[in-house]
N, C-alpha and C. Protein backbone atom coordinates (compact mmCIF):
# COMPACT_ATOMS: atom_id res chain seq x y z
N MET A 1 116.36 96.39 83.99
CA MET A 1 115.50 95.43 84.67
C MET A 1 114.45 94.96 83.68
N GLU A 2 114.23 93.68 83.63
CA GLU A 2 113.22 93.10 82.74
C GLU A 2 111.81 93.53 83.18
N GLU A 3 110.92 93.59 82.22
CA GLU A 3 109.55 94.03 82.49
C GLU A 3 108.86 93.16 83.54
N LEU A 4 109.07 91.85 83.47
CA LEU A 4 108.47 90.95 84.45
C LEU A 4 108.95 91.28 85.87
N ASP A 5 110.22 91.60 86.00
CA ASP A 5 110.76 91.95 87.31
C ASP A 5 110.18 93.26 87.84
N VAL A 6 109.89 94.21 86.93
CA VAL A 6 109.24 95.45 87.33
C VAL A 6 107.88 95.13 87.95
N TRP A 7 107.09 94.30 87.28
CA TRP A 7 105.76 93.94 87.78
C TRP A 7 105.84 93.15 89.08
N ARG A 8 106.82 92.27 89.19
CA ARG A 8 106.99 91.50 90.43
C ARG A 8 107.34 92.42 91.59
N THR A 9 108.24 93.36 91.34
CA THR A 9 108.63 94.31 92.38
C THR A 9 107.44 95.17 92.78
N ALA A 10 106.65 95.60 91.80
CA ALA A 10 105.44 96.39 92.10
C ALA A 10 104.52 95.60 93.01
N HIS A 11 104.34 94.33 92.70
CA HIS A 11 103.45 93.48 93.52
C HIS A 11 103.98 93.35 94.95
N VAL A 12 105.28 93.13 95.09
CA VAL A 12 105.88 93.01 96.42
C VAL A 12 105.70 94.30 97.21
N LEU A 13 105.96 95.44 96.58
CA LEU A 13 105.79 96.72 97.27
C LEU A 13 104.34 96.94 97.68
N MET A 14 103.40 96.52 96.86
CA MET A 14 101.98 96.64 97.20
C MET A 14 101.64 95.78 98.41
N LYS A 15 102.22 94.59 98.49
CA LYS A 15 101.97 93.72 99.64
C LYS A 15 102.60 94.31 100.90
N GLN A 16 103.78 94.91 100.77
CA GLN A 16 104.49 95.45 101.93
C GLN A 16 103.92 96.79 102.41
N HIS A 17 103.50 97.63 101.46
CA HIS A 17 103.15 99.01 101.81
C HIS A 17 101.70 99.39 101.52
N GLY A 18 100.93 98.46 100.99
CA GLY A 18 99.51 98.72 100.73
C GLY A 18 99.30 99.95 99.86
N ASP A 19 98.41 100.83 100.29
CA ASP A 19 98.05 102.02 99.52
C ASP A 19 99.21 102.99 99.36
N GLN A 20 100.25 102.84 100.13
CA GLN A 20 101.40 103.75 100.07
C GLN A 20 102.49 103.26 99.11
N ALA A 21 102.27 102.15 98.44
CA ALA A 21 103.31 101.54 97.60
C ALA A 21 103.82 102.47 96.51
N ALA A 22 102.93 103.14 95.81
CA ALA A 22 103.36 104.04 94.73
C ALA A 22 104.18 105.19 95.31
N LEU A 23 103.78 105.70 96.46
CA LEU A 23 104.52 106.79 97.10
C LEU A 23 105.91 106.33 97.52
N VAL A 24 105.99 105.13 98.08
CA VAL A 24 107.29 104.58 98.49
C VAL A 24 108.21 104.44 97.28
N ALA A 25 107.69 103.90 96.19
CA ALA A 25 108.50 103.72 94.98
C ALA A 25 108.89 105.07 94.39
N ALA A 26 107.99 106.05 94.41
CA ALA A 26 108.30 107.38 93.88
C ALA A 26 109.40 108.05 94.71
N LYS A 27 109.32 107.90 96.03
CA LYS A 27 110.36 108.47 96.89
C LYS A 27 111.71 107.83 96.60
N ARG A 28 111.71 106.53 96.38
CA ARG A 28 112.97 105.84 96.06
C ARG A 28 113.52 106.32 94.73
N SER A 29 112.65 106.51 93.77
CA SER A 29 113.07 107.05 92.47
C SER A 29 113.72 108.42 92.66
N ASP A 30 113.11 109.27 93.47
CA ASP A 30 113.65 110.61 93.74
C ASP A 30 115.02 110.53 94.43
N GLU A 31 115.15 109.60 95.37
CA GLU A 31 116.43 109.44 96.07
C GLU A 31 117.53 109.03 95.11
N LEU A 32 117.22 108.10 94.24
CA LEU A 32 118.22 107.64 93.27
C LEU A 32 118.58 108.75 92.29
N PHE A 33 117.58 109.50 91.86
CA PHE A 33 117.83 110.62 90.96
C PHE A 33 118.75 111.65 91.62
N ALA A 34 118.54 111.89 92.90
CA ALA A 34 119.32 112.89 93.64
C ALA A 34 120.80 112.53 93.72
N VAL A 35 121.11 111.24 93.65
CA VAL A 35 122.52 110.81 93.68
C VAL A 35 123.02 110.42 92.30
N ASN A 36 122.31 110.92 91.27
CA ASN A 36 122.69 110.73 89.87
C ASN A 36 122.65 109.28 89.41
N ASP A 37 121.83 108.46 90.06
CA ASP A 37 121.62 107.08 89.59
C ASP A 37 120.38 107.12 88.70
N PHE A 38 120.59 107.55 87.46
CA PHE A 38 119.46 107.75 86.56
C PHE A 38 118.84 106.45 86.09
N VAL A 39 119.64 105.42 85.99
CA VAL A 39 119.10 104.11 85.61
C VAL A 39 118.19 103.59 86.72
N GLY A 40 118.65 103.65 87.95
CA GLY A 40 117.84 103.21 89.09
C GLY A 40 116.57 104.03 89.23
N ALA A 41 116.70 105.34 89.04
CA ALA A 41 115.53 106.21 89.13
C ALA A 41 114.51 105.86 88.06
N THR A 42 114.98 105.55 86.88
CA THR A 42 114.08 105.16 85.78
C THR A 42 113.38 103.84 86.10
N VAL A 43 114.11 102.91 86.66
CA VAL A 43 113.51 101.62 87.03
C VAL A 43 112.39 101.84 88.05
N PHE A 44 112.65 102.65 89.06
CA PHE A 44 111.61 102.87 90.06
C PHE A 44 110.45 103.69 89.51
N HIS A 45 110.72 104.52 88.52
CA HIS A 45 109.61 105.22 87.85
C HIS A 45 108.72 104.20 87.12
N ARG A 46 109.34 103.21 86.48
CA ARG A 46 108.57 102.14 85.82
C ARG A 46 107.76 101.35 86.86
N ILE A 47 108.33 101.13 88.03
CA ILE A 47 107.63 100.41 89.09
C ILE A 47 106.42 101.21 89.56
N VAL A 48 106.58 102.52 89.69
CA VAL A 48 105.44 103.38 90.07
C VAL A 48 104.32 103.22 89.06
N ARG A 49 104.64 103.28 87.77
CA ARG A 49 103.61 103.13 86.73
C ARG A 49 102.93 101.76 86.82
N ALA A 50 103.71 100.72 87.10
CA ALA A 50 103.13 99.38 87.23
C ALA A 50 102.18 99.31 88.43
N ILE A 51 102.57 99.91 89.54
CA ILE A 51 101.71 99.93 90.73
C ILE A 51 100.40 100.64 90.41
N LEU A 52 100.50 101.79 89.76
CA LEU A 52 99.29 102.54 89.41
C LEU A 52 98.39 101.74 88.47
N ASP A 53 98.99 101.00 87.54
CA ASP A 53 98.20 100.13 86.65
C ASP A 53 97.52 99.02 87.44
N LEU A 54 98.23 98.43 88.39
CA LEU A 54 97.65 97.35 89.18
C LEU A 54 96.54 97.84 90.10
N GLU A 55 96.61 99.10 90.50
CA GLU A 55 95.60 99.66 91.40
C GLU A 55 94.34 100.14 90.67
N ARG A 56 94.40 100.25 89.37
CA ARG A 56 93.23 100.75 88.63
C ARG A 56 92.03 99.84 88.83
N LYS A 57 90.87 100.45 88.94
CA LYS A 57 89.63 99.71 89.15
C LYS A 57 88.96 99.30 87.84
N ARG A 58 89.25 100.06 86.76
CA ARG A 58 88.64 99.75 85.47
C ARG A 58 89.59 100.17 84.36
N PRO A 59 89.40 99.64 83.15
CA PRO A 59 90.30 99.99 82.04
C PRO A 59 90.13 101.44 81.60
N CYS A 60 91.16 101.98 80.98
CA CYS A 60 91.11 103.32 80.43
C CYS A 60 90.21 103.33 79.19
N ASP A 61 89.74 104.50 78.80
CA ASP A 61 88.92 104.63 77.59
C ASP A 61 89.69 104.09 76.39
N GLY A 62 89.02 103.24 75.63
CA GLY A 62 89.62 102.67 74.42
C GLY A 62 90.54 101.49 74.67
N GLU A 63 90.76 101.12 75.90
CA GLU A 63 91.63 100.00 76.23
C GLU A 63 90.85 98.70 76.08
N SER A 64 91.45 97.74 75.39
CA SER A 64 90.76 96.46 75.19
C SER A 64 90.80 95.64 76.48
N VAL A 65 89.79 94.82 76.65
CA VAL A 65 89.67 93.97 77.83
C VAL A 65 89.63 92.53 77.37
N ASN A 66 90.38 91.67 78.03
CA ASN A 66 90.41 90.25 77.64
C ASN A 66 89.11 89.59 78.01
């Protein structure tokens, strides 16, 4: 999955599930892993990271700001 699609999916999940979006994506990643769909599980893991980045209130230490 392209990086842009990961971010788009993260945004859609945030709109659909609000504060629970990262949990929903993590559960899906676990489900896919359980059925040996490692590519799908990895994609949803990337989506979880994107959601967490989008939810951050401020940049990490040392992170540049535009």
